[in-house]
Amino acid sequence: MLREPTLEKLHALRLRTMACTWLEQDKSPDAVALSFDDRFATLVDAEALARDNARLAKNLRDAKLRIADACIEGIDFQRERQLEKATVRQLATCRWVTEHHTVIVTGATGTGKSYLACALAHQACRKGFRTMYRRVPRLFDELRLAHADGSHERLLARIAKVDVLVLDDFGLAPLTEQGRHDLLEILEDRYGLRATIITSQLKHDRWHDFLGDPTIADAICDRVIHGAHKLALAGPSRRKQEKTAAGS
């Protein structure tokens, strides 16, 4: 059998991993001893795994998570954090993404809100969902610039399309009138259509007062808080604990 034409066709079909694995099989007596079906299944598995890894790498690259190495396996379940393993296991299935739910993570500074949000977003990337991470203060800066240069509608459309939007550090600074309207537009575009993660030092029952404008606050709270998965982290600041451990 002439191998080169087949290898060329595999490369033309962008089945490069399958081609490389086929060549590697001939170097292994164990692989050569396999039946045709088993060898072929190995080739297909190798190609599928390579594509899954490439897709995950692209999703993570596009997501630009604040904590790039955050993952479900790295979540700390110390009792003082009051974070239930069963709840995280359920969220790790990403059913909340397919059902277009919201996850709200609250807690004092340093309790690991951003890590948990990034870990859930990382899991969504693993499942093939497109994800976008934004710190809320910087998102509003980005939106202000978009208003100025005429790209506002395009930016809102891009945000609306991602499967999972992470809004980190909500409530750190007072909102302007334009900021309130932009936030409502973003959440309105996603309501019932896409999934969102929001982290905040403010407990969700204080969001209405924080938002200021009663009409917009009613609209935002109704869309975000009702039916959301709410995780309230407790315990001391993990940053302080890490600094103390490093200095000891």
Foldseek 3Di string as FASTA:
>chain_A
DDVVVVLVVCVVVVLNQLSVLVVVLVVDPVSVPDDPVVNVVVSVVRSVVVVLVVQLVVLLVQAVQPDSPQALVPDDPPPQFVDDPVVSVVLLVVVCLVQLAEEEEEEAPQLCLSSSLVRSSSSCSSVNFREYEDALVVVVVVLVVCVVVVNNVVVLVVLLPGQEYEHEAPLPDQDDPVSLVSVLSSLVSRQRPHYYYYYYNDDLVCQCVRNPDNVSSVSVCVRHVVPHHYHYTGDDRPVVVVVVVVVD
